[in-house]
Amino acid sequence: MEVSDKVAVVHKYVEAFAKSDINLIREIYADDALVEDPVGSDPHVGIAAVCGFYEGAFGMGVTLELTGAPRCAGNSVAFPFQVHAGEMRIEIIDVFEFDEQGKVCSMRAYWGPDNTVS
């Protein structure tokens, strides 16, 4: 998978939040994907659970804003961004790992209480 393809997935992810578009999430993720947000929490496993997680976020009106360039290495991309939910902001770094079909098979979100700003 080319660097440009990985970066395009990151932008599609941000677009999915801007449009509250669950179909974009389905396009991005593999059927057996794992989402751990934040790292250390119980993971959401499988496309139905992953979509349920994102539908909850969309229902809260969450939007994303990239705060730096994506960084690619191997079959992964890491990217810093802010979550905006009303007056609250959370500084996060997500790491996507891709399978051989170019789908996200793992997403791990790195953030904690110290990364939340009101």
N, C-alpha and C. Protein backbone atom coordinates (compact mmCIF):
# COMPACT_ATOMS: atom_id res chain seq x y z
N MET A 1 0.85 -1.18 0.00
CA MET A 1 0.00 0.00 0.00
C MET A 1 0.89 1.24 0.00
N GLU A 2 0.61 2.15 -0.91
CA GLU A 2 1.41 3.37 -1.04
C GLU A 2 1.10 4.35 0.09
N VAL A 3 2.08 5.21 0.39
CA VAL A 3 1.89 6.24 1.40
C VAL A 3 0.66 7.08 1.08
N SER A 4 0.51 7.46 -0.18
CA SER A 4 -0.63 8.31 -0.58
C SER A 4 -1.96 7.62 -0.31
N ASP A 5 -2.01 6.30 -0.43
CA ASP A 5 -3.25 5.55 -0.16
C ASP A 5 -3.57 5.60 1.34
N LYS A 6 -2.55 5.44 2.17
CA LYS A 6 -2.76 5.49 3.63
C LYS A 6 -3.25 6.87 4.05
N VAL A 7 -2.62 7.91 3.52
CA VAL A 7 -3.01 9.28 3.85
C VAL A 7 -4.43 9.55 3.37
N ALA A 8 -4.80 9.02 2.21
CA ALA A 8 -6.16 9.19 1.70
C ALA A 8 -7.19 8.57 2.65
N VAL A 9 -6.86 7.45 3.28
CA VAL A 9 -7.77 6.82 4.25
C VAL A 9 -7.94 7.74 5.46
N VAL A 10 -6.86 8.36 5.91
CA VAL A 10 -6.96 9.29 7.03
C VAL A 10 -7.93 10.42 6.68
N HIS A 11 -7.81 10.98 5.49
CA HIS A 11 -8.70 12.07 5.08
C HIS A 11 -10.14 11.59 4.92
N LYS A 12 -10.34 10.37 4.47
CA LYS A 12 -11.69 9.81 4.38
C LYS A 12 -12.29 9.64 5.78
N TYR A 13 -11.46 9.28 6.74
CA TYR A 13 -11.89 9.14 8.14
C TYR A 13 -12.38 10.48 8.67
N VAL A 14 -11.62 11.53 8.45
CA VAL A 14 -12.02 12.87 8.89
C VAL A 14 -13.31 13.28 8.19
N GLU A 15 -13.40 12.99 6.91
CA GLU A 15 -14.61 13.30 6.13
C GLU A 15 -15.83 12.56 6.69
N ALA A 16 -15.64 11.31 7.11
CA ALA A 16 -16.75 10.54 7.67
C ALA A 16 -17.35 11.25 8.88
N PHE A 17 -16.49 11.84 9.71
CA PHE A 17 -16.98 12.58 10.87
C PHE A 17 -17.66 13.88 10.44
N ALA A 18 -17.10 14.57 9.47
CA ALA A 18 -17.68 15.83 9.01
C ALA A 18 -19.09 15.61 8.46
N LYS A 19 -19.31 14.46 7.84
CA LYS A 19 -20.60 14.16 7.22
C LYS A 19 -21.46 13.21 8.04
N SER A 20 -20.94 12.72 9.19
CA SER A 20 -21.63 11.67 9.97
C SER A 20 -22.03 10.53 9.05
N ASP A 21 -21.08 10.07 8.24
CA ASP A 21 -21.34 9.09 7.19
C ASP A 21 -20.80 7.70 7.57
N ILE A 22 -21.68 6.85 8.04
CA ILE A 22 -21.27 5.51 8.46
C ILE A 22 -20.82 4.67 7.28
N ASN A 23 -21.29 4.98 6.07
CA ASN A 23 -20.85 4.23 4.90
C ASN A 23 -19.37 4.45 4.62
N LEU A 24 -18.86 5.65 4.88
CA LEU A 24 -17.42 5.88 4.74
C LEU A 24 -16.64 5.04 5.75
N ILE A 25 -17.17 4.92 6.95
CA ILE A 25 -16.52 4.07 7.97
C ILE A 25 -16.49 2.63 7.47
N ARG A 26 -17.60 2.16 6.93
CA ARG A 26 -17.65 0.78 6.39
C ARG A 26 -16.63 0.58 5.27
N GLU A 27 -16.42 1.60 4.44
CA GLU A 27 -15.44 1.51 3.35
C GLU A 27 -14.01 1.40 3.89
N ILE A 28 -13.74 2.06 4.98
CA ILE A 28 -12.39 2.14 5.53
C ILE A 28 -11.99 0.84 6.23
N TYR A 29 -12.92 0.27 7.01
CA TYR A 29 -12.59 -0.83 7.91
C TYR A 29 -12.81 -2.22 7.29
N ALA A 30 -11.96 -3.15 7.69
CA ALA A 30 -12.11 -4.56 7.35
C ALA A 30 -13.27 -5.15 8.16
N ASP A 31 -13.85 -6.23 7.66
CA ASP A 31 -14.97 -6.88 8.35
C ASP A 31 -14.61 -7.36 9.75
N ASP A 32 -13.34 -7.73 9.96
CA ASP A 32 -12.91 -8.25 11.26
C ASP A 32 -12.07 -7.23 12.05
N ALA A 33 -12.28 -5.95 11.76
CA ALA A 33 -11.48 -4.88 12.36
C ALA A 33 -11.63 -4.83 13.88
N LEU A 34 -10.61 -4.24 14.50
CA LEU A 34 -10.58 -4.01 15.94
C LEU A 34 -10.35 -2.53 16.16
N VAL A 35 -11.18 -1.91 17.01
CA VAL A 35 -11.03 -0.50 17.39
C VAL A 35 -10.86 -0.45 18.90
N GLU A 36 -9.76 0.15 19.35
CA GLU A 36 -9.48 0.31 20.78
C GLU A 36 -9.33 1.80 21.05
N ASP A 37 -10.37 2.42 21.61
CA ASP A 37 -10.42 3.87 21.78
C ASP A 37 -11.03 4.22 23.13
N PRO A 38 -10.16 4.62 24.09
CA PRO A 38 -8.72 4.76 24.02
C PRO A 38 -8.02 3.42 24.27
N VAL A 39 -6.72 3.40 24.00
CA VAL A 39 -5.92 2.21 24.28
C VAL A 39 -6.09 1.85 25.75
N GLY A 40 -6.34 0.57 26.00
CA GLY A 40 -6.57 0.09 27.35
C GLY A 40 -8.03 -0.16 27.65
N SER A 41 -8.92 0.36 26.81
CA SER A 41 -10.35 0.11 26.99
C SER A 41 -10.73 -1.18 26.27
N ASP A 42 -11.94 -1.65 26.51
CA ASP A 42 -12.41 -2.85 25.82
C ASP A 42 -12.52 -2.55 24.33
N PRO A 43 -11.93 -3.40 23.49
CA PRO A 43 -11.99 -3.15 22.05
C PRO A 43 -13.35 -3.48 21.45
N HIS A 44 -13.64 -2.80 20.36
CA HIS A 44 -14.81 -3.09 19.53
C HIS A 44 -14.30 -3.98 18.41
N VAL A 45 -14.83 -5.19 18.28
CA VAL A 45 -14.31 -6.16 17.32
C VAL A 45 -15.40 -6.54 16.32
N GLY A 46 -15.04 -6.45 15.04
CA GLY A 46 -15.97 -6.76 13.96
C GLY A 46 -16.66 -5.51 13.47
N ILE A 47 -17.03 -5.52 12.20
CA ILE A 47 -17.56 -4.31 11.56
C ILE A 47 -18.84 -3.82 12.22
N ALA A 48 -19.70 -4.70 12.71
CA ALA A 48 -20.94 -4.25 13.36
C ALA A 48 -20.63 -3.48 14.63
N ALA A 49 -19.71 -4.00 15.45
CA ALA A 49 -19.34 -3.31 16.69
C ALA A 49 -18.61 -2.00 16.40
N VAL A 50 -17.75 -2.01 15.39
CA VAL A 50 -17.02 -0.81 15.00
C VAL A 50 -18.00 0.27 14.54
N CYS A 51 -18.95 -0.10 13.70
CA CYS A 51 -19.94 0.87 13.22
C CYS A 51 -20.80 1.38 14.38
N GLY A 52 -21.16 0.52 15.30
CA GLY A 52 -21.91 0.95 16.48
C GLY A 52 -21.16 1.99 17.28
N PHE A 53 -19.85 1.80 17.44
CA PHE A 53 -19.01 2.77 18.15
C PHE A 53 -19.06 4.12 17.44
N TYR A 54 -18.87 4.13 16.12
CA TYR A 54 -18.86 5.39 15.38
C TYR A 54 -20.23 6.03 15.30
N GLU A 55 -21.28 5.25 15.21
CA GLU A 55 -22.63 5.83 15.22
C GLU A 55 -22.88 6.59 16.52
N GLY A 56 -22.35 6.07 17.63
CA GLY A 56 -22.46 6.77 18.91
C GLY A 56 -21.75 8.11 18.87
N ALA A 57 -20.56 8.13 18.30
CA ALA A 57 -19.80 9.39 18.18
C ALA A 57 -20.51 10.36 17.26
N PHE A 58 -21.03 9.87 16.14
CA PHE A 58 -21.75 10.74 15.22
C PHE A 58 -22.99 11.34 15.90
N GLY A 59 -23.64 10.54 16.73
CA GLY A 59 -24.82 11.01 17.45
C GLY A 59 -24.53 12.13 18.43
N MET A 60 -23.27 12.22 18.87
CA MET A 60 -22.86 13.28 19.79
C MET A 60 -22.37 14.52 19.03
N GLY A 61 -22.39 14.48 17.71
CA GLY A 61 -21.96 15.62 16.92
C GLY A 61 -20.46 15.85 16.93
N VAL A 62 -19.70 14.80 17.14
CA VAL A 62 -18.24 14.90 17.19
C VAL A 62 -17.68 15.19 15.80
N THR A 63 -16.71 16.11 15.73
CA THR A 63 -15.97 16.36 14.49
C THR A 63 -14.48 16.24 14.78
N LEU A 64 -13.70 16.04 13.72
CA LEU A 64 -12.25 15.89 13.84
C LEU A 64 -11.54 16.98 13.06
N GLU A 65 -10.35 17.35 13.55
CA GLU A 65 -9.50 18.30 12.85
C GLU A 65 -8.05 17.80 12.94
N LEU A 66 -7.46 17.51 11.80
CA LEU A 66 -6.05 17.10 11.81
C LEU A 66 -5.20 18.23 12.35
N THR A 67 -4.22 17.90 13.19
CA THR A 67 -3.33 18.92 13.78
C THR A 67 -1.88 18.72 13.34
N GLY A 68 -1.66 17.80 12.44
CA GLY A 68 -0.33 17.54 11.91
C GLY A 68 -0.43 16.55 10.77
N ALA A 69 0.68 16.36 10.10
CA ALA A 69 0.71 15.45 8.96
C ALA A 69 0.70 14.00 9.42
N PRO A 70 0.00 13.12 8.68
CA PRO A 70 0.07 11.69 8.97
C PRO A 70 1.51 11.19 8.79
N ARG A 71 1.88 10.20 9.60
CA ARG A 71 3.20 9.57 9.52
C ARG A 71 3.01 8.11 9.18
N CYS A 72 3.64 7.67 8.09
CA CYS A 72 3.49 6.30 7.61
C CYS A 72 4.76 5.49 7.85
N ALA A 73 4.57 4.26 8.26
CA ALA A 73 5.67 3.31 8.41
C ALA A 73 5.10 1.91 8.28
N GLY A 74 5.78 1.06 7.50
CA GLY A 74 5.29 -0.30 7.31
C GLY A 74 3.87 -0.29 6.79
N ASN A 75 3.00 -1.07 7.44
CA ASN A 75 1.60 -1.14 7.02
C ASN A 75 0.71 -0.28 7.92
N SER A 76 1.28 0.79 8.50
CA SER A 76 0.55 1.63 9.45
C SER A 76 0.65 3.10 9.10
N VAL A 77 -0.27 3.87 9.65
CA VAL A 77 -0.22 5.33 9.59
C VAL A 77 -0.67 5.84 10.96
N ALA A 78 0.07 6.83 11.48
CA ALA A 78 -0.29 7.50 12.73
C ALA A 78 -0.59 8.95 12.38
N PHE A 79 -1.58 9.53 13.08
CA PHE A 79 -1.92 10.91 12.79
C PHE A 79 -2.49 11.61 14.02
N PRO A 80 -2.04 12.86 14.25
CA PRO A 80 -2.54 13.64 15.37
C PRO A 80 -3.75 14.46 14.95
N PHE A 81 -4.71 14.57 15.85
CA PHE A 81 -5.90 15.36 15.56
C PHE A 81 -6.58 15.77 16.85
N GLN A 82 -7.53 16.67 16.71
CA GLN A 82 -8.39 17.06 17.82
C GLN A 82 -9.80 16.58 17.53
N VAL A 83 -10.43 16.09 18.58
CA VAL A 83 -11.87 15.82 18.56
C VAL A 83 -12.55 17.06 19.12
N HIS A 84 -13.58 17.50 18.44
CA HIS A 84 -14.39 18.61 18.92
C HIS A 84 -15.77 18.07 19.22
N ALA A 85 -16.19 18.26 20.47
CA ALA A 85 -17.53 17.85 20.91
C ALA A 85 -18.08 19.00 21.75
N GLY A 86 -18.83 19.88 21.12
CA GLY A 86 -19.30 21.07 21.82
C GLY A 86 -18.10 21.92 22.23
N GLU A 87 -18.03 22.26 23.50
CA GLU A 87 -16.93 23.08 24.02
C GLU A 87 -15.69 22.24 24.36
N MET A 88 -15.84 20.94 24.37
CA MET A 88 -14.74 20.06 24.75
C MET A 88 -13.87 19.71 23.55
N ARG A 89 -12.55 19.65 23.78
CA ARG A 89 -11.59 19.20 22.78
C ARG A 89 -10.75 18.09 23.41
N ILE A 90 -10.40 17.11 22.59
CA ILE A 90 -9.50 16.04 23.04
C ILE A 90 -8.38 15.93 22.01
N GLU A 91 -7.15 15.98 22.48
CA GLU A 91 -5.96 15.82 21.64
C GLU A 91 -5.67 14.32 21.55
N ILE A 92 -5.65 13.77 20.34
CA ILE A 92 -5.54 12.32 20.15
C ILE A 92 -4.52 12.00 19.07
N ILE A 93 -3.91 10.85 19.19
CA ILE A 93 -3.12 10.26 18.10
C ILE A 93 -3.72 8.89 17.82
N ASP A 94 -4.16 8.70 16.58
CA ASP A 94 -4.68 7.40 16.15
C ASP A 94 -3.62 6.69 15.33
N VAL A 95 -3.62 5.38 15.42
CA VAL A 95 -2.76 4.55 14.59
C VAL A 95 -3.65 3.53 13.88
N PHE A 96 -3.64 3.60 12.55
CA PHE A 96 -4.33 2.63 11.71
C PHE A 96 -3.32 1.60 11.24
N GLU A 97 -3.69 0.34 11.32
CA GLU A 97 -2.90 -0.74 10.71
C GLU A 97 -3.76 -1.31 9.58
N PHE A 98 -3.14 -1.55 8.43
CA PHE A 98 -3.87 -1.99 7.24
C PHE A 98 -3.63 -3.47 6.95
N ASP A 99 -4.66 -4.12 6.40
CA ASP A 99 -4.51 -5.50 5.95
C ASP A 99 -4.06 -5.50 4.47
N GLU A 100 -3.94 -6.68 3.88
CA GLU A 100 -3.46 -6.79 2.50
C GLU A 100 -4.42 -6.20 1.48
N GLN A 101 -5.69 -6.01 1.84
CA GLN A 101 -6.66 -5.42 0.93
C GLN A 101 -6.73 -3.89 1.06
N GLY A 102 -5.89 -3.33 1.92
CA GLY A 102 -5.88 -1.88 2.11
C GLY A 102 -6.96 -1.37 3.04
N LYS A 103 -7.56 -2.27 3.81
CA LYS A 103 -8.58 -1.90 4.79
C LYS A 103 -7.93 -1.77 6.17
N VAL A 104 -8.50 -0.92 7.00
CA VAL A 104 -8.01 -0.78 8.37
C VAL A 104 -8.44 -2.03 9.15
N CYS A 105 -7.46 -2.76 9.65
CA CYS A 105 -7.77 -3.96 10.45
C CYS A 105 -7.63 -3.67 11.94
N SER A 106 -6.94 -2.57 12.28
CA SER A 106 -6.77 -2.19 13.67
C SER A 106 -6.65 -0.68 13.77
N MET A 107 -7.40 -0.11 14.72
CA MET A 107 -7.28 1.31 15.05
C MET A 107 -7.10 1.40 16.54
N ARG A 108 -6.03 2.07 16.94
CA ARG A 108 -5.77 2.30 18.36
C ARG A 108 -5.65 3.80 18.56
N ALA A 109 -6.41 4.32 19.53
CA ALA A 109 -6.44 5.76 19.81
C ALA A 109 -5.69 6.02 21.12
N TYR A 110 -4.70 6.89 21.04
CA TYR A 110 -3.86 7.21 22.19
C TYR A 110 -4.28 8.57 22.74
N TRP A 111 -4.92 8.52 23.91
CA TRP A 111 -5.32 9.72 24.63
C TRP A 111 -5.77 9.33 26.04
N GLY A 112 -5.80 10.30 26.91
CA GLY A 112 -6.24 10.08 28.28
C GLY A 112 -6.78 11.38 28.86
N PRO A 113 -7.10 11.38 30.16
CA PRO A 113 -7.69 12.57 30.79
C PRO A 113 -6.85 13.84 30.63
N ASP A 114 -5.53 13.70 30.59
CA ASP A 114 -4.67 14.88 30.45
C ASP A 114 -4.75 15.50 29.06
N ASN A 115 -5.37 14.82 28.12
CA ASN A 115 -5.48 15.32 26.75
C ASN A 115 -6.81 15.99 26.46
N THR A 116 -7.64 16.17 27.49
CA THR A 116 -8.95 16.79 27.34
C THR A 116 -8.88 18.25 27.77
N VAL A 117 -9.43 19.12 26.92
CA VAL A 117 -9.46 20.55 27.21
C VAL A 117 -10.90 21.02 27.09
N SER A 118 -11.36 21.78 28.08
CA SER A 118 -12.74 22.31 28.01
C SER A 118 -12.71 23.77 27.63
